[in-house]
Amino acid sequence: MTSTKTIIVSNRLVNKDDEADITSKNDFTAERLKVYGKLDYIFVPFWSWYIPAEIYKKWNVVIMHCTDLPYGRGGSPVQNLIVRGFTKTKISALKCTKGIDAGPIYCQVPLSLEGTAENIYDRADDIIRNAIIPFIKVQQPEPSPQKGKVVYFDKWVCTKKDVLRAINSDYEWKDTDN
């Protein structure tokens, strides 16, 4: 069996032992990717920007997204799930295509949303690096189309004042997406 050549692109290194081949949006270019030669997969956990078509059309880009897609496409998935009262979700490994988090899915793995943000991202990082990436590299599964109702999340952009207002309010979040 031949080895699978891959790289990791991530702007968030969760654990001190994490490594990524590319960590900057400005370095994630078709020109830069050429230095790696033929790649079987480009794994993209914890990424906050659009991936250009010139990249996903030429290379097999696998995005990791912390929702049970197609529910929760878009930004700040963990934060959006928590404010809606979710205590668990799935990490979806999907093929990058046109459209936000719209590609077919390679696999989905359960993820607890219990604990602090640091706890959640540590668990997600462990699952991605020690389960999902090895599974895809070895099994090389064909991705399947997403099934279910599509729900989009907005990216969270808030100030410290917004967070304090939310924490100190009696507001009960109503999920109107279901």
N, C-alpha and C. Protein backbone atom coordinates (compact mmCIF):
# COMPACT_ATOMS: atom_id res chain seq x y z
N MET A 1 0.84 -1.18 0.00
CA MET A 1 0.00 0.00 0.00
C MET A 1 0.89 1.25 0.00
N THR A 2 0.56 2.21 -0.85
CA THR A 2 1.34 3.43 -0.90
C THR A 2 0.92 4.38 0.21
N SER A 3 1.84 5.23 0.63
CA SER A 3 1.50 6.16 1.70
C SER A 3 0.69 7.32 1.13
N THR A 4 -0.12 7.90 1.99
CA THR A 4 -0.97 9.00 1.61
C THR A 4 -0.26 10.29 1.99
N LYS A 5 -0.12 11.20 1.03
CA LYS A 5 0.56 12.47 1.31
C LYS A 5 -0.48 13.53 1.63
N THR A 6 -0.31 14.14 2.81
CA THR A 6 -1.28 15.11 3.27
C THR A 6 -0.57 16.29 3.94
N ILE A 7 -1.31 17.37 4.07
CA ILE A 7 -0.87 18.48 4.91
C ILE A 7 -2.05 18.95 5.74
N ILE A 8 -1.75 19.72 6.79
CA ILE A 8 -2.79 20.30 7.63
C ILE A 8 -2.68 21.82 7.53
N VAL A 9 -3.84 22.45 7.32
CA VAL A 9 -3.94 23.91 7.28
C VAL A 9 -4.86 24.31 8.42
N SER A 10 -4.35 25.10 9.36
CA SER A 10 -5.17 25.50 10.50
C SER A 10 -4.65 26.80 11.09
N ASN A 11 -5.56 27.73 11.35
CA ASN A 11 -5.15 28.98 11.98
C ASN A 11 -5.26 28.90 13.50
N ARG A 12 -5.69 27.77 14.03
CA ARG A 12 -5.80 27.60 15.48
C ARG A 12 -5.13 26.29 15.87
N LEU A 13 -3.97 26.40 16.53
CA LEU A 13 -3.30 25.22 17.06
C LEU A 13 -3.77 25.08 18.50
N VAL A 14 -4.58 24.07 18.76
CA VAL A 14 -5.27 23.92 20.03
C VAL A 14 -4.32 23.46 21.14
N ASN A 15 -3.56 22.44 20.87
CA ASN A 15 -2.67 21.88 21.88
C ASN A 15 -1.22 22.21 21.56
N LYS A 16 -0.37 22.23 22.58
CA LYS A 16 1.03 22.62 22.38
C LYS A 16 1.77 21.69 21.42
N ASP A 17 1.29 20.46 21.27
CA ASP A 17 1.96 19.51 20.38
C ASP A 17 1.41 19.56 18.95
N ASP A 18 0.38 20.37 18.72
CA ASP A 18 -0.21 20.45 17.39
C ASP A 18 0.78 21.06 16.40
N GLU A 19 0.67 20.57 15.18
CA GLU A 19 1.46 21.13 14.10
C GLU A 19 0.53 21.36 12.91
N ALA A 20 0.86 22.36 12.13
CA ALA A 20 0.15 22.61 10.89
C ALA A 20 1.18 23.07 9.87
N ASP A 21 1.00 22.66 8.64
CA ASP A 21 1.93 23.03 7.59
C ASP A 21 1.72 24.48 7.15
N ILE A 22 0.47 24.92 7.20
CA ILE A 22 0.13 26.30 6.86
C ILE A 22 -0.79 26.82 7.96
N THR A 23 -0.46 28.00 8.50
CA THR A 23 -1.25 28.56 9.61
C THR A 23 -1.80 29.95 9.30
N SER A 24 -1.52 30.48 8.14
CA SER A 24 -1.94 31.83 7.80
C SER A 24 -2.78 31.85 6.53
N LYS A 25 -3.83 32.64 6.56
CA LYS A 25 -4.69 32.81 5.38
C LYS A 25 -3.86 33.25 4.17
N ASN A 26 -2.90 34.13 4.38
CA ASN A 26 -2.08 34.64 3.28
C ASN A 26 -1.16 33.58 2.68
N ASP A 27 -0.87 32.52 3.45
CA ASP A 27 0.00 31.45 2.95
C ASP A 27 -0.78 30.30 2.30
N PHE A 28 -2.10 30.30 2.46
CA PHE A 28 -2.92 29.23 1.90
C PHE A 28 -3.30 29.61 0.47
N THR A 29 -2.32 29.47 -0.43
CA THR A 29 -2.50 29.83 -1.84
C THR A 29 -2.11 28.66 -2.73
N ALA A 30 -2.61 28.68 -3.95
CA ALA A 30 -2.26 27.63 -4.91
C ALA A 30 -0.75 27.62 -5.15
N GLU A 31 -0.15 28.78 -5.22
CA GLU A 31 1.30 28.87 -5.44
C GLU A 31 2.07 28.19 -4.31
N ARG A 32 1.66 28.45 -3.09
CA ARG A 32 2.34 27.85 -1.93
C ARG A 32 2.13 26.34 -1.89
N LEU A 33 0.95 25.88 -2.26
CA LEU A 33 0.66 24.44 -2.21
C LEU A 33 1.52 23.65 -3.20
N LYS A 34 1.94 24.28 -4.26
CA LYS A 34 2.77 23.60 -5.26
C LYS A 34 4.07 23.06 -4.67
N VAL A 35 4.59 23.71 -3.62
CA VAL A 35 5.86 23.26 -3.04
C VAL A 35 5.73 21.89 -2.37
N TYR A 36 4.50 21.46 -2.08
CA TYR A 36 4.29 20.16 -1.43
C TYR A 36 4.20 19.02 -2.43
N GLY A 37 4.18 19.33 -3.71
CA GLY A 37 4.06 18.27 -4.70
C GLY A 37 2.65 17.71 -4.72
N LYS A 38 2.53 16.45 -5.15
CA LYS A 38 1.20 15.82 -5.21
C LYS A 38 0.70 15.56 -3.80
N LEU A 39 -0.50 16.04 -3.54
CA LEU A 39 -1.14 15.82 -2.23
C LEU A 39 -2.41 15.01 -2.41
N ASP A 40 -2.59 14.02 -1.56
CA ASP A 40 -3.84 13.26 -1.59
C ASP A 40 -4.97 14.00 -0.87
N TYR A 41 -4.62 14.65 0.24
CA TYR A 41 -5.61 15.41 1.01
C TYR A 41 -4.95 16.64 1.62
N ILE A 42 -5.75 17.69 1.72
CA ILE A 42 -5.40 18.85 2.53
C ILE A 42 -6.47 18.92 3.61
N PHE A 43 -6.08 18.69 4.86
CA PHE A 43 -7.02 18.70 5.98
C PHE A 43 -7.07 20.10 6.58
N VAL A 44 -8.29 20.60 6.79
CA VAL A 44 -8.47 21.97 7.25
C VAL A 44 -9.38 22.01 8.49
N PRO A 45 -8.79 21.77 9.68
CA PRO A 45 -9.57 21.97 10.90
C PRO A 45 -9.44 23.42 11.37
N PHE A 46 -10.47 23.91 12.04
CA PHE A 46 -10.39 25.23 12.69
C PHE A 46 -9.93 26.32 11.73
N TRP A 47 -10.71 26.56 10.70
CA TRP A 47 -10.38 27.57 9.70
C TRP A 47 -11.54 28.56 9.62
N SER A 48 -11.24 29.82 9.48
CA SER A 48 -12.28 30.86 9.54
C SER A 48 -12.52 31.60 8.24
N TRP A 49 -11.89 31.18 7.16
CA TRP A 49 -11.99 31.94 5.92
C TRP A 49 -12.45 31.06 4.77
N TYR A 50 -12.94 31.73 3.73
CA TYR A 50 -13.31 31.02 2.51
C TYR A 50 -12.05 30.41 1.90
N ILE A 51 -12.24 29.27 1.27
CA ILE A 51 -11.14 28.62 0.56
C ILE A 51 -11.37 28.87 -0.93
N PRO A 52 -10.39 29.47 -1.59
CA PRO A 52 -10.56 29.82 -3.01
C PRO A 52 -10.82 28.61 -3.90
N ALA A 53 -11.66 28.83 -4.92
CA ALA A 53 -11.98 27.76 -5.87
C ALA A 53 -10.73 27.20 -6.54
N GLU A 54 -9.73 28.05 -6.78
CA GLU A 54 -8.51 27.56 -7.43
C GLU A 54 -7.80 26.51 -6.57
N ILE A 55 -8.10 26.49 -5.28
CA ILE A 55 -7.51 25.48 -4.39
C ILE A 55 -8.41 24.23 -4.35
N TYR A 56 -9.69 24.40 -4.02
CA TYR A 56 -10.52 23.20 -3.85
C TYR A 56 -10.84 22.49 -5.17
N LYS A 57 -10.69 23.17 -6.29
CA LYS A 57 -10.89 22.50 -7.57
C LYS A 57 -9.67 21.68 -7.99
N LYS A 58 -8.50 22.03 -7.49
CA LYS A 58 -7.27 21.33 -7.86
C LYS A 58 -6.87 20.26 -6.85
N TRP A 59 -7.14 20.51 -5.56
CA TRP A 59 -6.73 19.60 -4.50
C TRP A 59 -7.95 19.08 -3.75
N ASN A 60 -7.80 17.94 -3.11
CA ASN A 60 -8.86 17.34 -2.31
C ASN A 60 -8.79 17.95 -0.90
N VAL A 61 -9.59 18.97 -0.66
CA VAL A 61 -9.58 19.71 0.60
C VAL A 61 -10.70 19.18 1.49
N VAL A 62 -10.33 18.77 2.71
CA VAL A 62 -11.29 18.22 3.67
C VAL A 62 -11.41 19.19 4.85
N ILE A 63 -12.59 19.77 4.98
CA ILE A 63 -12.89 20.72 6.05
C ILE A 63 -13.45 19.96 7.24
N MET A 64 -13.09 20.38 8.45
CA MET A 64 -13.68 19.85 9.68
C MET A 64 -14.61 20.92 10.24
N HIS A 65 -15.86 20.56 10.45
CA HIS A 65 -16.86 21.52 10.93
C HIS A 65 -17.60 20.92 12.11
N CYS A 66 -17.71 21.67 13.19
CA CYS A 66 -18.27 21.13 14.44
C CYS A 66 -19.78 21.24 14.54
N THR A 67 -20.50 20.78 13.52
CA THR A 67 -21.95 20.59 13.62
C THR A 67 -22.33 19.34 12.84
N ASP A 68 -23.53 18.89 13.10
CA ASP A 68 -24.10 17.74 12.41
C ASP A 68 -24.72 18.26 11.11
N LEU A 69 -23.86 18.52 10.13
CA LEU A 69 -24.31 19.11 8.87
C LEU A 69 -25.40 18.26 8.21
N PRO A 70 -26.35 18.94 7.56
CA PRO A 70 -26.34 20.32 7.09
C PRO A 70 -26.82 21.35 8.13
N TYR A 71 -27.18 20.93 9.33
CA TYR A 71 -27.56 21.89 10.37
C TYR A 71 -26.31 22.61 10.85
N GLY A 72 -26.34 23.93 10.82
CA GLY A 72 -25.24 24.71 11.37
C GLY A 72 -24.14 25.06 10.40
N ARG A 73 -24.47 25.16 9.12
CA ARG A 73 -23.46 25.64 8.18
C ARG A 73 -23.10 27.08 8.55
N GLY A 74 -21.84 27.44 8.34
CA GLY A 74 -21.46 28.82 8.57
C GLY A 74 -20.56 29.00 9.77
N GLY A 75 -20.57 30.19 10.32
CA GLY A 75 -19.60 30.59 11.33
C GLY A 75 -19.94 30.22 12.76
N SER A 76 -18.90 30.17 13.56
CA SER A 76 -18.99 29.99 15.01
C SER A 76 -19.91 28.84 15.41
N PRO A 77 -19.69 27.64 14.88
CA PRO A 77 -20.62 26.55 15.15
C PRO A 77 -20.75 26.19 16.64
N VAL A 78 -19.65 26.10 17.35
CA VAL A 78 -19.71 25.70 18.75
C VAL A 78 -20.50 26.73 19.56
N GLN A 79 -20.20 28.00 19.38
CA GLN A 79 -20.89 29.05 20.11
C GLN A 79 -22.39 29.05 19.79
N ASN A 80 -22.72 28.93 18.51
CA ASN A 80 -24.13 28.93 18.10
C ASN A 80 -24.89 27.73 18.66
N LEU A 81 -24.26 26.58 18.72
CA LEU A 81 -24.93 25.40 19.28
C LEU A 81 -25.16 25.57 20.79
N ILE A 82 -24.15 26.06 21.49
CA ILE A 82 -24.27 26.21 22.94
C ILE A 82 -25.39 27.17 23.31
N VAL A 83 -25.48 28.33 22.64
CA VAL A 83 -26.55 29.28 22.99
C VAL A 83 -27.92 28.74 22.63
N ARG A 84 -27.99 27.74 21.78
CA ARG A 84 -29.27 27.11 21.44
C ARG A 84 -29.58 25.93 22.36
N GLY A 85 -28.71 25.68 23.32
CA GLY A 85 -28.97 24.64 24.32
C GLY A 85 -28.45 23.26 23.98
N PHE A 86 -27.69 23.11 22.93
CA PHE A 86 -27.14 21.80 22.58
C PHE A 86 -26.05 21.39 23.56
N THR A 87 -25.99 20.11 23.89
CA THR A 87 -24.92 19.58 24.75
C THR A 87 -24.03 18.59 24.00
N LYS A 88 -24.43 18.27 22.78
CA LYS A 88 -23.61 17.39 21.95
C LYS A 88 -23.86 17.73 20.48
N THR A 89 -22.91 17.33 19.67
CA THR A 89 -23.00 17.56 18.23
C THR A 89 -22.14 16.50 17.55
N LYS A 90 -21.79 16.75 16.32
CA LYS A 90 -20.87 15.88 15.59
C LYS A 90 -19.85 16.76 14.89
N ILE A 91 -18.66 16.22 14.73
CA ILE A 91 -17.68 16.86 13.86
C ILE A 91 -17.90 16.25 12.49
N SER A 92 -18.17 17.11 11.52
CA SER A 92 -18.37 16.65 10.15
C SER A 92 -17.10 16.91 9.35
N ALA A 93 -16.59 15.86 8.71
CA ALA A 93 -15.45 15.99 7.79
C ALA A 93 -16.05 16.02 6.39
N LEU A 94 -15.91 17.15 5.70
CA LEU A 94 -16.58 17.30 4.42
C LEU A 94 -15.63 17.78 3.34
N LYS A 95 -15.97 17.43 2.12
CA LYS A 95 -15.19 17.87 0.94
C LYS A 95 -15.51 19.33 0.68
N CYS A 96 -14.48 20.12 0.50
CA CYS A 96 -14.67 21.55 0.21
C CYS A 96 -15.19 21.70 -1.22
N THR A 97 -16.29 22.42 -1.33
CA THR A 97 -16.91 22.72 -2.62
C THR A 97 -17.40 24.17 -2.58
N LYS A 98 -18.00 24.59 -3.67
CA LYS A 98 -18.61 25.92 -3.69
C LYS A 98 -19.77 25.92 -2.69
N GLY A 99 -19.93 26.97 -1.96
CA GLY A 99 -20.99 27.05 -0.96
C GLY A 99 -20.41 26.84 0.43
N ILE A 100 -20.95 27.54 1.40
CA ILE A 100 -20.43 27.47 2.76
C ILE A 100 -20.79 26.13 3.40
N ASP A 101 -19.78 25.34 3.72
CA ASP A 101 -19.95 24.04 4.40
C ASP A 101 -20.98 23.16 3.70
N ALA A 102 -21.00 23.21 2.37
CA ALA A 102 -22.04 22.55 1.59
C ALA A 102 -21.61 21.23 0.96
N GLY A 103 -20.35 20.86 1.08
CA GLY A 103 -19.85 19.68 0.38
C GLY A 103 -20.32 18.37 0.96
N PRO A 104 -20.10 17.29 0.21
CA PRO A 104 -20.46 15.96 0.69
C PRO A 104 -19.58 15.56 1.89
N ILE A 105 -20.10 14.65 2.71
CA ILE A 105 -19.47 14.31 3.98
C ILE A 105 -18.74 12.97 3.91
N TYR A 106 -17.49 12.98 4.41
CA TYR A 106 -16.69 11.75 4.51
C TYR A 106 -17.09 10.95 5.75
N CYS A 107 -17.23 11.63 6.86
CA CYS A 107 -17.62 10.96 8.11
C CYS A 107 -18.06 12.01 9.12
N GLN A 108 -18.78 11.55 10.14
CA GLN A 108 -19.20 12.39 11.25
C GLN A 108 -18.92 11.63 12.54
N VAL A 109 -18.35 12.34 13.51
CA VAL A 109 -17.96 11.72 14.78
C VAL A 109 -18.56 12.54 15.92
N PRO A 110 -19.18 11.87 16.92
CA PRO A 110 -19.79 12.61 18.03
C PRO A 110 -18.80 13.49 18.79
N LEU A 111 -19.30 14.64 19.26
CA LEU A 111 -18.51 15.58 20.06
C LEU A 111 -19.39 16.13 21.18
N SER A 112 -18.93 16.01 22.41
CA SER A 112 -19.63 16.59 23.56
C SER A 112 -19.36 18.09 23.61
N LEU A 113 -20.39 18.86 23.94
CA LEU A 113 -20.25 20.30 24.11
C LEU A 113 -20.24 20.68 25.59
N GLU A 114 -19.97 19.71 26.44
CA GLU A 114 -19.90 19.96 27.88
C GLU A 114 -18.55 20.58 28.23
N GLY A 115 -18.53 21.39 29.28
CA GLY A 115 -17.28 21.97 29.76
C GLY A 115 -17.00 23.33 29.16
N THR A 116 -15.77 23.77 29.34
CA THR A 116 -15.35 25.08 28.84
C THR A 116 -15.06 25.01 27.34
N ALA A 117 -14.91 26.18 26.74
CA ALA A 117 -14.53 26.22 25.33
C ALA A 117 -13.21 25.49 25.12
N GLU A 118 -12.29 25.67 26.04
CA GLU A 118 -11.00 24.98 25.93
C GLU A 118 -11.18 23.47 25.95
N ASN A 119 -12.07 22.97 26.85
CA ASN A 119 -12.34 21.53 26.90
C ASN A 119 -12.91 21.03 25.57
N ILE A 120 -13.85 21.78 25.03
CA ILE A 120 -14.53 21.38 23.79
C ILE A 120 -13.53 21.34 22.63
N TYR A 121 -12.72 22.39 22.50
CA TYR A 121 -11.75 22.43 21.40
C TYR A 121 -10.65 21.39 21.58
N ASP A 122 -10.27 21.10 22.81
CA ASP A 122 -9.30 20.02 23.05
C ASP A 122 -9.86 18.68 22.57
N ARG A 123 -11.12 18.40 22.93
CA ARG A 123 -11.75 17.14 22.50
C ARG A 123 -11.86 17.09 20.97
N ALA A 124 -12.30 18.20 20.38
CA ALA A 124 -12.45 18.24 18.92
C ALA A 124 -11.10 18.01 18.24
N ASP A 125 -10.08 18.67 18.74
CA ASP A 125 -8.74 18.53 18.17
C ASP A 125 -8.26 17.08 18.26
N ASP A 126 -8.48 16.45 19.40
CA ASP A 126 -8.08 15.06 19.60
C ASP A 126 -8.82 14.14 18.61
N ILE A 127 -10.11 14.35 18.46
CA ILE A 127 -10.91 13.53 17.54
C ILE A 127 -10.43 13.72 16.10
N ILE A 128 -10.22 14.97 15.72
CA ILE A 128 -9.80 15.27 14.35
C ILE A 128 -8.44 14.64 14.04
N ARG A 129 -7.46 14.87 14.90
CA ARG A 129 -6.08 14.44 14.62
C ARG A 129 -5.85 12.95 14.85
N ASN A 130 -6.61 12.34 15.78
CA ASN A 130 -6.35 10.94 16.13
C ASN A 130 -7.40 9.96 15.63
N ALA A 131 -8.50 10.46 15.10
CA ALA A 131 -9.54 9.56 14.59
C ALA A 131 -9.91 9.89 13.14
N ILE A 132 -10.36 11.12 12.90
CA ILE A 132 -10.88 11.45 11.58
C ILE A 132 -9.79 11.44 10.51
N ILE A 133 -8.71 12.17 10.73
CA ILE A 133 -7.65 12.22 9.71
C ILE A 133 -7.08 10.83 9.42
N PRO A 134 -6.72 10.05 10.45
CA PRO A 134 -6.23 8.69 10.14
C PRO A 134 -7.26 7.83 9.40
N PHE A 135 -8.53 7.94 9.79
CA PHE A 135 -9.59 7.17 9.12
C PHE A 135 -9.64 7.51 7.63
N ILE A 136 -9.66 8.80 7.31
CA ILE A 136 -9.76 9.20 5.90
C ILE A 136 -8.50 8.80 5.13
N LYS A 137 -7.32 8.97 5.74
CA LYS A 137 -6.08 8.61 5.06
C LYS A 137 -6.02 7.11 4.74
N VAL A 138 -6.47 6.28 5.66
CA VAL A 138 -6.39 4.82 5.46
C VAL A 138 -7.56 4.30 4.62
N GLN A 139 -8.77 4.68 4.97
CA GLN A 139 -9.96 4.14 4.30
C GLN A 139 -10.27 4.82 2.97
N GLN A 140 -9.86 6.06 2.81
CA GLN A 140 -10.14 6.85 1.61
C GLN A 140 -11.60 6.70 1.16
N PRO A 141 -12.53 7.03 2.07
CA PRO A 141 -13.96 6.86 1.74
C PRO A 141 -14.43 7.87 0.71
N GLU A 142 -15.48 7.51 0.00
CA GLU A 142 -16.13 8.44 -0.91
C GLU A 142 -17.12 9.27 -0.08
N PRO A 143 -17.10 10.59 -0.21
CA PRO A 143 -18.05 11.39 0.56
C PRO A 143 -19.46 11.25 0.03
N SER A 144 -20.44 11.38 0.94
CA SER A 144 -21.86 11.26 0.59
C SER A 144 -22.54 12.62 0.72
N PRO A 145 -23.54 12.88 -0.12
CA PRO A 145 -24.24 14.17 -0.05
C PRO A 145 -24.86 14.40 1.34
N GLN A 146 -24.92 15.64 1.75
CA GLN A 146 -25.57 15.99 3.01
C GLN A 146 -27.07 15.75 2.87
N LYS A 147 -27.69 15.32 3.98
CA LYS A 147 -29.13 15.06 3.99
C LYS A 147 -29.75 15.80 5.16
N GLY A 148 -30.92 16.37 4.92
CA GLY A 148 -31.64 17.07 5.99
C GLY A 148 -31.82 18.54 5.66
N LYS A 149 -32.45 19.22 6.61
CA LYS A 149 -32.74 20.65 6.45
C LYS A 149 -31.46 21.46 6.66
N VAL A 150 -31.20 22.37 5.72
CA VAL A 150 -30.03 23.24 5.82
C VAL A 150 -30.38 24.42 6.73
N VAL A 151 -29.54 24.63 7.74
CA VAL A 151 -29.66 25.78 8.64
C VAL A 151 -28.31 26.47 8.70
N TYR A 152 -28.31 27.79 8.49
CA TYR A 152 -27.06 28.57 8.51
C TYR A 152 -26.88 29.28 9.84
N PHE A 153 -25.65 29.35 10.28
CA PHE A 153 -25.28 30.12 11.47
C PHE A 153 -24.48 31.34 11.02
N ASP A 154 -24.70 32.45 11.70
CA ASP A 154 -23.88 33.63 11.48
C ASP A 154 -22.62 33.52 12.33
N LYS A 155 -21.55 34.07 11.84
CA LYS A 155 -20.31 34.11 12.61
C LYS A 155 -20.50 35.09 13.76
N TRP A 156 -20.02 34.67 14.92
CA TRP A 156 -20.11 35.53 16.11
C TRP A 156 -19.03 36.58 16.07
N VAL A 157 -19.45 37.82 16.19
CA VAL A 157 -18.53 38.92 16.36
C VAL A 157 -19.12 39.75 17.49
N CYS A 158 -18.54 39.61 18.66
CA CYS A 158 -19.12 40.33 19.78
C CYS A 158 -18.02 40.92 20.67
N THR A 159 -18.43 41.91 21.42
CA THR A 159 -17.51 42.58 22.33
C THR A 159 -17.65 41.99 23.72
N LYS A 160 -16.75 42.35 24.59
CA LYS A 160 -16.83 41.93 25.99
C LYS A 160 -18.15 42.41 26.59
N LYS A 161 -18.59 43.60 26.20
CA LYS A 161 -19.85 44.16 26.70
C LYS A 161 -21.04 43.27 26.28
N ASP A 162 -21.01 42.78 25.03
CA ASP A 162 -22.08 41.90 24.55
C ASP A 162 -22.14 40.62 25.37
N VAL A 163 -20.98 40.05 25.66
CA VAL A 163 -20.92 38.80 26.44
C VAL A 163 -21.46 39.03 27.84
N LEU A 164 -21.03 40.10 28.48
CA LEU A 164 -21.51 40.39 29.84
C LEU A 164 -23.01 40.63 29.86
N ARG A 165 -23.53 41.32 28.85
CA ARG A 165 -24.98 41.56 28.76
C ARG A 165 -25.72 40.22 28.64
N ALA A 166 -25.21 39.31 27.83
CA ALA A 166 -25.86 38.01 27.64
C ALA A 166 -25.80 37.17 28.92
N ILE A 167 -24.66 37.19 29.60
CA ILE A 167 -24.50 36.40 30.82
C ILE A 167 -25.43 36.91 31.92
N ASN A 168 -25.59 38.22 32.01
CA ASN A 168 -26.36 38.81 33.09
C ASN A 168 -27.84 38.98 32.78
N SER A 169 -28.28 38.55 31.62
CA SER A 169 -29.68 38.72 31.26
C SER A 169 -30.50 37.49 31.66
N ASP A 170 -31.79 37.67 31.69
CA ASP A 170 -32.71 36.56 31.95
C ASP A 170 -33.26 36.01 30.64
N TYR A 171 -32.67 36.42 29.54
CA TYR A 171 -33.15 36.03 28.23
C TYR A 171 -32.98 34.53 28.03
N GLU A 172 -34.04 33.88 27.57
CA GLU A 172 -33.97 32.46 27.25
C GLU A 172 -33.93 32.33 25.74
N TRP A 173 -32.88 31.70 25.22
CA TRP A 173 -32.70 31.56 23.79
C TRP A 173 -33.77 30.62 23.22
N LYS A 174 -34.43 31.07 22.18
CA LYS A 174 -35.41 30.23 21.48
C LYS A 174 -34.84 29.87 20.13
N ASP A 175 -34.72 28.59 19.86
CA ASP A 175 -34.20 28.13 18.59
C ASP A 175 -35.34 28.10 17.58
N THR A 176 -35.31 29.04 16.66
CA THR A 176 -36.37 29.11 15.64
C THR A 176 -36.01 28.34 14.39
N ASP A 177 -34.83 27.69 14.42
CA ASP A 177 -34.37 26.96 13.23
C ASP A 177 -34.94 25.56 13.12
N ASN A 178 -35.51 25.04 14.18
CA ASN A 178 -36.01 23.65 14.15
C ASN A 178 -37.44 23.57 13.70
